[in-house]
N, C-alpha and C. Protein backbone atom coordinates (compact mmCIF):
# COMPACT_ATOMS: atom_id res chain seq x y z
N MET A 1 -8.39 -5.51 12.82
CA MET A 1 -9.29 -6.04 11.82
C MET A 1 -9.51 -5.03 10.68
N ASP A 2 -9.34 -3.77 10.99
CA ASP A 2 -9.50 -2.71 10.00
C ASP A 2 -8.51 -2.90 8.84
N ILE A 3 -7.29 -3.31 9.16
CA ILE A 3 -6.26 -3.52 8.13
C ILE A 3 -6.68 -4.64 7.18
N VAL A 4 -7.30 -5.68 7.70
CA VAL A 4 -7.75 -6.80 6.86
C VAL A 4 -8.77 -6.31 5.83
N PHE A 5 -9.75 -5.53 6.28
CA PHE A 5 -10.76 -5.02 5.35
C PHE A 5 -10.14 -4.08 4.33
N ARG A 6 -9.24 -3.23 4.76
CA ARG A 6 -8.59 -2.31 3.84
C ARG A 6 -7.73 -3.06 2.82
N ALA A 7 -7.01 -4.07 3.29
CA ALA A 7 -6.16 -4.86 2.39
C ALA A 7 -7.01 -5.65 1.39
N ALA A 8 -8.13 -6.21 1.85
CA ALA A 8 -9.02 -6.96 0.96
C ALA A 8 -9.60 -6.03 -0.11
N PHE A 9 -10.02 -4.84 0.31
CA PHE A 9 -10.54 -3.87 -0.66
C PHE A 9 -9.44 -3.48 -1.66
N ALA A 10 -8.24 -3.23 -1.15
CA ALA A 10 -7.13 -2.85 -2.03
C ALA A 10 -6.83 -3.95 -3.04
N TRP A 11 -6.87 -5.21 -2.61
CA TRP A 11 -6.60 -6.33 -3.51
C TRP A 11 -7.63 -6.36 -4.63
N VAL A 12 -8.91 -6.24 -4.27
CA VAL A 12 -9.97 -6.24 -5.28
C VAL A 12 -9.79 -5.06 -6.24
N PHE A 13 -9.44 -3.91 -5.69
CA PHE A 13 -9.23 -2.73 -6.52
C PHE A 13 -8.06 -2.94 -7.49
N ILE A 14 -6.98 -3.52 -7.03
CA ILE A 14 -5.82 -3.78 -7.89
C ILE A 14 -6.21 -4.73 -9.03
N VAL A 15 -6.93 -5.80 -8.72
CA VAL A 15 -7.37 -6.74 -9.76
C VAL A 15 -8.24 -6.00 -10.77
N PHE A 16 -9.14 -5.16 -10.28
CA PHE A 16 -10.00 -4.37 -11.17
C PHE A 16 -9.17 -3.48 -12.08
N VAL A 17 -8.22 -2.75 -11.51
CA VAL A 17 -7.38 -1.83 -12.29
C VAL A 17 -6.59 -2.60 -13.36
N LEU A 18 -6.04 -3.73 -13.00
CA LEU A 18 -5.28 -4.51 -13.97
C LEU A 18 -6.16 -5.04 -15.09
N ARG A 19 -7.39 -5.41 -14.76
CA ARG A 19 -8.31 -5.88 -15.80
C ARG A 19 -8.71 -4.72 -16.73
N VAL A 20 -8.91 -3.54 -16.15
CA VAL A 20 -9.28 -2.37 -16.95
C VAL A 20 -8.12 -1.96 -17.87
N MET A 21 -6.89 -2.09 -17.37
CA MET A 21 -5.73 -1.73 -18.19
C MET A 21 -5.69 -2.54 -19.47
N GLY A 22 -6.21 -3.75 -19.42
CA GLY A 22 -6.27 -4.57 -20.63
C GLY A 22 -5.12 -5.55 -20.72
N ARG A 23 -5.36 -6.60 -21.49
CA ARG A 23 -4.38 -7.67 -21.65
C ARG A 23 -3.11 -7.19 -22.33
N ARG A 24 -3.27 -6.36 -23.32
CA ARG A 24 -2.11 -5.89 -24.07
C ARG A 24 -1.13 -5.19 -23.15
N GLU A 25 -1.64 -4.36 -22.25
CA GLU A 25 -0.79 -3.61 -21.34
C GLU A 25 -0.04 -4.53 -20.38
N LEU A 26 -0.68 -5.61 -19.97
CA LEU A 26 -0.02 -6.52 -19.03
C LEU A 26 1.13 -7.28 -19.68
N SER A 27 1.02 -7.53 -20.97
CA SER A 27 2.08 -8.30 -21.61
C SER A 27 3.32 -7.48 -21.90
N SER A 28 3.17 -6.17 -22.00
CA SER A 28 4.32 -5.31 -22.29
C SER A 28 4.17 -3.99 -21.55
N LEU A 29 4.77 -3.91 -20.39
CA LEU A 29 4.67 -2.70 -19.60
C LEU A 29 5.61 -1.63 -20.15
N SER A 30 5.05 -0.46 -20.39
CA SER A 30 5.88 0.66 -20.81
C SER A 30 6.39 1.37 -19.56
N ALA A 31 7.22 2.37 -19.74
CA ALA A 31 7.77 3.11 -18.60
C ALA A 31 6.64 3.75 -17.79
N SER A 32 5.66 4.33 -18.48
CA SER A 32 4.56 4.97 -17.76
C SER A 32 3.72 3.96 -16.99
N ASP A 33 3.55 2.74 -17.55
CA ASP A 33 2.81 1.69 -16.83
C ASP A 33 3.55 1.27 -15.57
N LEU A 34 4.87 1.14 -15.69
CA LEU A 34 5.67 0.75 -14.54
C LEU A 34 5.59 1.81 -13.44
N ILE A 35 5.67 3.08 -13.84
CA ILE A 35 5.55 4.18 -12.86
C ILE A 35 4.18 4.12 -12.19
N LEU A 36 3.14 3.91 -12.99
CA LEU A 36 1.79 3.82 -12.44
C LEU A 36 1.71 2.72 -11.39
N LEU A 37 2.26 1.54 -11.69
CA LEU A 37 2.17 0.43 -10.75
C LEU A 37 2.98 0.69 -9.48
N VAL A 38 4.15 1.30 -9.60
CA VAL A 38 4.95 1.60 -8.41
C VAL A 38 4.23 2.62 -7.53
N VAL A 39 3.73 3.68 -8.14
CA VAL A 39 3.02 4.71 -7.37
C VAL A 39 1.74 4.14 -6.78
N LEU A 40 1.04 3.33 -7.56
CA LEU A 40 -0.17 2.70 -7.08
C LEU A 40 0.12 1.85 -5.84
N GLY A 41 1.22 1.11 -5.89
CA GLY A 41 1.61 0.29 -4.74
C GLY A 41 1.85 1.13 -3.50
N ASP A 42 2.53 2.24 -3.66
CA ASP A 42 2.80 3.11 -2.52
C ASP A 42 1.51 3.72 -1.98
N LEU A 43 0.65 4.17 -2.88
CA LEU A 43 -0.62 4.76 -2.44
C LEU A 43 -1.50 3.74 -1.73
N ILE A 44 -1.51 2.53 -2.25
CA ILE A 44 -2.31 1.48 -1.62
C ILE A 44 -1.76 1.15 -0.24
N GLN A 45 -0.44 1.10 -0.12
CA GLN A 45 0.17 0.83 1.19
C GLN A 45 -0.26 1.87 2.20
N ASN A 46 -0.26 3.14 1.81
CA ASN A 46 -0.69 4.21 2.72
C ASN A 46 -2.15 4.03 3.11
N GLY A 47 -2.98 3.65 2.16
CA GLY A 47 -4.40 3.47 2.44
C GLY A 47 -4.70 2.25 3.27
N VAL A 48 -3.90 1.19 3.10
CA VAL A 48 -4.16 -0.04 3.83
C VAL A 48 -3.69 0.07 5.28
N THR A 49 -2.47 0.50 5.48
CA THR A 49 -1.93 0.51 6.84
C THR A 49 -2.12 1.84 7.54
N GLN A 50 -2.54 2.88 6.83
CA GLN A 50 -2.70 4.23 7.36
C GLN A 50 -1.47 4.62 8.16
N SER A 51 -1.64 4.92 9.42
CA SER A 51 -0.49 5.35 10.22
C SER A 51 0.15 4.19 10.98
N ASP A 52 -0.34 2.97 10.76
CA ASP A 52 0.21 1.80 11.45
C ASP A 52 1.46 1.32 10.71
N LEU A 53 2.61 1.66 11.21
CA LEU A 53 3.87 1.27 10.58
C LEU A 53 4.52 0.09 11.30
N SER A 54 3.75 -0.58 12.14
CA SER A 54 4.31 -1.70 12.90
C SER A 54 4.49 -2.93 12.01
N MET A 55 5.31 -3.83 12.46
CA MET A 55 5.52 -5.08 11.73
C MET A 55 4.24 -5.91 11.73
N THR A 56 3.46 -5.80 12.78
CA THR A 56 2.20 -6.53 12.86
C THR A 56 1.25 -6.05 11.76
N GLY A 57 1.14 -4.74 11.59
CA GLY A 57 0.27 -4.19 10.56
C GLY A 57 0.69 -4.63 9.17
N VAL A 58 1.99 -4.57 8.89
CA VAL A 58 2.51 -5.00 7.60
C VAL A 58 2.25 -6.49 7.38
N THR A 59 2.49 -7.29 8.42
CA THR A 59 2.28 -8.74 8.33
C THR A 59 0.81 -9.05 8.05
N ILE A 60 -0.09 -8.36 8.73
CA ILE A 60 -1.52 -8.58 8.51
C ILE A 60 -1.90 -8.20 7.08
N ALA A 61 -1.41 -7.07 6.59
CA ALA A 61 -1.74 -6.64 5.23
C ALA A 61 -1.21 -7.63 4.19
N ILE A 62 0.04 -8.06 4.35
CA ILE A 62 0.63 -9.01 3.39
C ILE A 62 -0.11 -10.34 3.45
N THR A 63 -0.43 -10.81 4.64
CA THR A 63 -1.14 -12.08 4.80
C THR A 63 -2.51 -11.99 4.12
N THR A 64 -3.18 -10.86 4.27
CA THR A 64 -4.49 -10.68 3.62
C THR A 64 -4.35 -10.74 2.11
N PHE A 65 -3.32 -10.08 1.55
CA PHE A 65 -3.09 -10.12 0.10
C PHE A 65 -2.82 -11.56 -0.36
N VAL A 66 -2.02 -12.29 0.38
CA VAL A 66 -1.70 -13.67 0.01
C VAL A 66 -2.96 -14.53 0.06
N LEU A 67 -3.75 -14.39 1.12
CA LEU A 67 -4.97 -15.18 1.24
C LEU A 67 -5.99 -14.83 0.15
N MET A 68 -6.07 -13.56 -0.21
CA MET A 68 -6.97 -13.16 -1.30
C MET A 68 -6.51 -13.77 -2.63
N THR A 69 -5.20 -13.80 -2.85
CA THR A 69 -4.65 -14.39 -4.07
C THR A 69 -4.93 -15.89 -4.13
N ILE A 70 -4.73 -16.57 -3.01
CA ILE A 70 -5.02 -18.01 -2.94
C ILE A 70 -6.51 -18.26 -3.16
N ALA A 71 -7.35 -17.45 -2.54
CA ALA A 71 -8.80 -17.61 -2.71
C ALA A 71 -9.21 -17.39 -4.16
N ALA A 72 -8.62 -16.39 -4.81
CA ALA A 72 -8.93 -16.13 -6.22
C ALA A 72 -8.49 -17.30 -7.09
N SER A 73 -7.32 -17.86 -6.81
CA SER A 73 -6.83 -19.01 -7.57
C SER A 73 -7.76 -20.20 -7.39
N TYR A 74 -8.20 -20.43 -6.17
CA TYR A 74 -9.10 -21.55 -5.88
C TYR A 74 -10.44 -21.34 -6.59
N LEU A 75 -10.98 -20.12 -6.50
CA LEU A 75 -12.25 -19.82 -7.18
C LEU A 75 -12.11 -19.99 -8.69
N SER A 76 -11.00 -19.54 -9.23
CA SER A 76 -10.76 -19.67 -10.68
C SER A 76 -10.68 -21.13 -11.08
N PHE A 77 -10.12 -21.95 -10.21
CA PHE A 77 -10.00 -23.38 -10.48
C PHE A 77 -11.36 -24.06 -10.44
N LYS A 78 -12.19 -23.66 -9.49
CA LYS A 78 -13.48 -24.31 -9.27
C LYS A 78 -14.61 -23.78 -10.16
N SER A 79 -14.52 -22.53 -10.59
CA SER A 79 -15.65 -21.92 -11.29
C SER A 79 -15.20 -21.22 -12.58
N ALA A 80 -15.80 -21.63 -13.67
CA ALA A 80 -15.48 -20.99 -14.96
C ALA A 80 -15.93 -19.53 -14.95
N ARG A 81 -17.03 -19.25 -14.31
CA ARG A 81 -17.53 -17.87 -14.22
C ARG A 81 -16.54 -16.99 -13.46
N ALA A 82 -16.03 -17.49 -12.34
CA ALA A 82 -15.04 -16.73 -11.55
C ALA A 82 -13.75 -16.57 -12.35
N ARG A 83 -13.34 -17.62 -13.06
CA ARG A 83 -12.11 -17.56 -13.86
C ARG A 83 -12.23 -16.48 -14.93
N LYS A 84 -13.39 -16.40 -15.57
CA LYS A 84 -13.61 -15.39 -16.60
C LYS A 84 -13.55 -13.99 -16.00
N LEU A 85 -14.13 -13.82 -14.83
CA LEU A 85 -14.15 -12.52 -14.17
C LEU A 85 -12.77 -12.11 -13.69
N ILE A 86 -12.03 -13.03 -13.08
CA ILE A 86 -10.74 -12.71 -12.46
C ILE A 86 -9.62 -12.67 -13.50
N GLN A 87 -9.57 -13.66 -14.38
CA GLN A 87 -8.44 -13.78 -15.30
C GLN A 87 -8.75 -13.31 -16.71
N GLY A 88 -10.01 -13.30 -17.08
CA GLY A 88 -10.37 -12.99 -18.46
C GLY A 88 -10.39 -14.28 -19.27
N GLU A 89 -10.67 -14.14 -20.55
CA GLU A 89 -10.68 -15.32 -21.41
C GLU A 89 -10.03 -14.98 -22.74
N PRO A 90 -9.56 -15.99 -23.45
CA PRO A 90 -8.92 -15.74 -24.75
C PRO A 90 -9.90 -15.08 -25.73
N LEU A 91 -9.33 -14.30 -26.64
CA LEU A 91 -10.15 -13.57 -27.61
C LEU A 91 -9.53 -13.75 -28.99
N ILE A 92 -10.32 -14.20 -29.94
CA ILE A 92 -9.83 -14.39 -31.32
C ILE A 92 -9.74 -13.03 -31.99
N ILE A 93 -8.55 -12.70 -32.50
CA ILE A 93 -8.36 -11.40 -33.15
C ILE A 93 -8.10 -11.52 -34.65
N VAL A 94 -7.74 -12.73 -35.12
CA VAL A 94 -7.59 -12.99 -36.56
C VAL A 94 -8.18 -14.36 -36.84
N GLU A 95 -9.00 -14.43 -37.88
CA GLU A 95 -9.58 -15.70 -38.28
C GLU A 95 -9.41 -15.86 -39.78
N ASP A 96 -8.79 -16.96 -40.19
CA ASP A 96 -8.52 -17.24 -41.61
C ASP A 96 -7.86 -16.05 -42.31
N GLY A 97 -6.87 -15.47 -41.67
CA GLY A 97 -6.09 -14.39 -42.26
C GLY A 97 -6.75 -13.02 -42.21
N GLN A 98 -7.96 -12.93 -41.70
CA GLN A 98 -8.69 -11.66 -41.65
C GLN A 98 -8.76 -11.14 -40.21
N PRO A 99 -8.30 -9.92 -39.97
CA PRO A 99 -8.39 -9.36 -38.62
C PRO A 99 -9.85 -9.15 -38.22
N ILE A 100 -10.15 -9.40 -36.99
CA ILE A 100 -11.49 -9.15 -36.46
C ILE A 100 -11.43 -7.79 -35.76
N GLU A 101 -11.80 -6.76 -36.51
CA GLU A 101 -11.64 -5.37 -36.06
C GLU A 101 -12.33 -5.09 -34.73
N ARG A 102 -13.53 -5.62 -34.55
CA ARG A 102 -14.29 -5.36 -33.32
C ARG A 102 -13.53 -5.86 -32.10
N ASN A 103 -12.97 -7.06 -32.19
CA ASN A 103 -12.22 -7.63 -31.07
C ASN A 103 -10.91 -6.88 -30.83
N MET A 104 -10.26 -6.49 -31.91
CA MET A 104 -9.01 -5.74 -31.78
C MET A 104 -9.28 -4.37 -31.16
N ARG A 105 -10.35 -3.74 -31.59
CA ARG A 105 -10.70 -2.42 -31.07
C ARG A 105 -11.03 -2.49 -29.57
N SER A 106 -11.72 -3.55 -29.16
CA SER A 106 -12.10 -3.68 -27.75
C SER A 106 -10.87 -3.82 -26.85
N GLU A 107 -9.77 -4.31 -27.41
CA GLU A 107 -8.53 -4.48 -26.64
C GLU A 107 -7.48 -3.42 -26.97
N LEU A 108 -7.88 -2.43 -27.77
CA LEU A 108 -6.99 -1.34 -28.17
C LEU A 108 -5.74 -1.85 -28.89
N LEU A 109 -5.93 -2.86 -29.73
CA LEU A 109 -4.84 -3.42 -30.53
C LEU A 109 -4.93 -2.89 -31.95
N THR A 110 -3.80 -2.52 -32.49
CA THR A 110 -3.76 -2.10 -33.90
C THR A 110 -3.25 -3.26 -34.74
N LEU A 111 -3.45 -3.14 -36.03
CA LEU A 111 -2.93 -4.15 -36.95
C LEU A 111 -1.40 -4.19 -36.86
N ASP A 112 -0.78 -3.04 -36.64
CA ASP A 112 0.68 -3.00 -36.47
C ASP A 112 1.13 -3.82 -35.26
N ASP A 113 0.37 -3.75 -34.17
CA ASP A 113 0.70 -4.54 -32.97
C ASP A 113 0.65 -6.03 -33.28
N VAL A 114 -0.40 -6.43 -33.99
CA VAL A 114 -0.57 -7.85 -34.33
C VAL A 114 0.54 -8.30 -35.27
N MET A 115 0.87 -7.47 -36.26
CA MET A 115 1.92 -7.83 -37.21
C MET A 115 3.29 -7.90 -36.53
N GLU A 116 3.52 -7.05 -35.56
CA GLU A 116 4.78 -7.10 -34.81
C GLU A 116 4.93 -8.45 -34.12
N GLN A 117 3.85 -8.90 -33.50
CA GLN A 117 3.88 -10.20 -32.83
C GLN A 117 3.97 -11.34 -33.85
N ALA A 118 3.32 -11.17 -34.99
CA ALA A 118 3.39 -12.20 -36.04
C ALA A 118 4.82 -12.35 -36.53
N ARG A 119 5.48 -11.23 -36.79
CA ARG A 119 6.88 -11.29 -37.24
C ARG A 119 7.77 -11.94 -36.19
N ALA A 120 7.48 -11.68 -34.93
CA ALA A 120 8.27 -12.31 -33.86
C ALA A 120 8.08 -13.83 -33.86
N ASN A 121 6.96 -14.28 -34.46
CA ASN A 121 6.69 -15.71 -34.59
C ASN A 121 6.98 -16.22 -35.99
N GLU A 122 7.79 -15.46 -36.74
CA GLU A 122 8.22 -15.83 -38.09
C GLU A 122 7.05 -15.98 -39.06
N ILE A 123 6.07 -15.09 -38.93
CA ILE A 123 4.93 -15.06 -39.84
C ILE A 123 5.00 -13.73 -40.60
N GLU A 124 5.08 -13.83 -41.93
CA GLU A 124 5.24 -12.62 -42.75
C GLU A 124 3.92 -11.92 -43.05
N ARG A 125 2.88 -12.72 -43.32
CA ARG A 125 1.59 -12.15 -43.71
C ARG A 125 0.47 -12.83 -42.92
N LEU A 126 -0.61 -12.10 -42.73
CA LEU A 126 -1.74 -12.68 -42.00
C LEU A 126 -2.42 -13.81 -42.78
N ASP A 127 -2.19 -13.86 -44.12
CA ASP A 127 -2.77 -14.96 -44.92
C ASP A 127 -2.30 -16.32 -44.41
N GLU A 128 -1.15 -16.35 -43.74
CA GLU A 128 -0.59 -17.60 -43.24
C GLU A 128 -1.26 -18.05 -41.94
N VAL A 129 -2.11 -17.19 -41.38
CA VAL A 129 -2.66 -17.44 -40.05
C VAL A 129 -4.09 -17.96 -40.13
N LYS A 130 -4.33 -19.08 -39.48
CA LYS A 130 -5.70 -19.58 -39.36
C LYS A 130 -6.39 -18.87 -38.20
N TRP A 131 -5.71 -18.82 -37.06
CA TRP A 131 -6.24 -18.14 -35.87
C TRP A 131 -5.12 -17.36 -35.20
N ALA A 132 -5.44 -16.20 -34.72
CA ALA A 132 -4.57 -15.47 -33.80
C ALA A 132 -5.43 -15.20 -32.57
N VAL A 133 -4.94 -15.62 -31.43
CA VAL A 133 -5.72 -15.53 -30.20
C VAL A 133 -4.99 -14.67 -29.19
N LEU A 134 -5.66 -13.65 -28.70
CA LEU A 134 -5.12 -12.84 -27.62
C LEU A 134 -5.46 -13.57 -26.32
N GLU A 135 -4.43 -14.10 -25.69
CA GLU A 135 -4.61 -14.89 -24.48
C GLU A 135 -4.91 -13.97 -23.29
N ALA A 136 -5.43 -14.54 -22.23
CA ALA A 136 -5.75 -13.77 -21.02
C ALA A 136 -4.49 -13.13 -20.43
N SER A 137 -3.32 -13.71 -20.70
CA SER A 137 -2.07 -13.17 -20.18
C SER A 137 -1.58 -11.96 -20.97
N GLY A 138 -2.19 -11.72 -22.14
CA GLY A 138 -1.79 -10.60 -22.98
C GLY A 138 -0.93 -11.00 -24.16
N THR A 139 -0.49 -12.23 -24.20
CA THR A 139 0.31 -12.69 -25.34
C THR A 139 -0.62 -13.09 -26.49
N ILE A 140 -0.07 -13.07 -27.70
CA ILE A 140 -0.84 -13.48 -28.87
C ILE A 140 -0.30 -14.82 -29.35
N THR A 141 -1.19 -15.78 -29.47
CA THR A 141 -0.84 -17.11 -29.98
C THR A 141 -1.31 -17.20 -31.44
N PHE A 142 -0.41 -17.64 -32.32
CA PHE A 142 -0.72 -17.76 -33.73
C PHE A 142 -0.79 -19.24 -34.09
N ILE A 143 -1.84 -19.60 -34.83
CA ILE A 143 -1.97 -20.96 -35.35
C ILE A 143 -1.98 -20.82 -36.86
N LYS A 144 -0.98 -21.41 -37.51
CA LYS A 144 -0.85 -21.29 -38.96
C LYS A 144 -1.84 -22.20 -39.65
N LYS A 145 -2.14 -21.83 -40.93
CA LYS A 145 -3.04 -22.65 -41.75
C LYS A 145 -2.38 -23.97 -42.08
């Protein structure tokens, strides 16, 4: 039963770390982010199973992670409050061609980052944009005027 509690704690910690990393980081992992996640996975495995290297211990830990993920999905489906906490919510970063600096700063986004995504969507200038929304997944959605 100890493995179940450790795995549940690890799952909550991972969700917390990913939320703290921010949406921008999730949409485009750099080499250092990838290294962090790989090392984090190994460290969590050591903490969850400790010295239990049996197949039973691994199965219990994986099952706990799967059940926690299913429970989070169900909670997100049933409760808007839980969905906001677990997944985050969209954030408007450009309105009527004007960047919303406060929102961009809170997500550590620069104007260059936004313009890079705009160009990828065939938008030359922010004047063409009615809304730019940073989605919970980390992608930016542009709605033209």
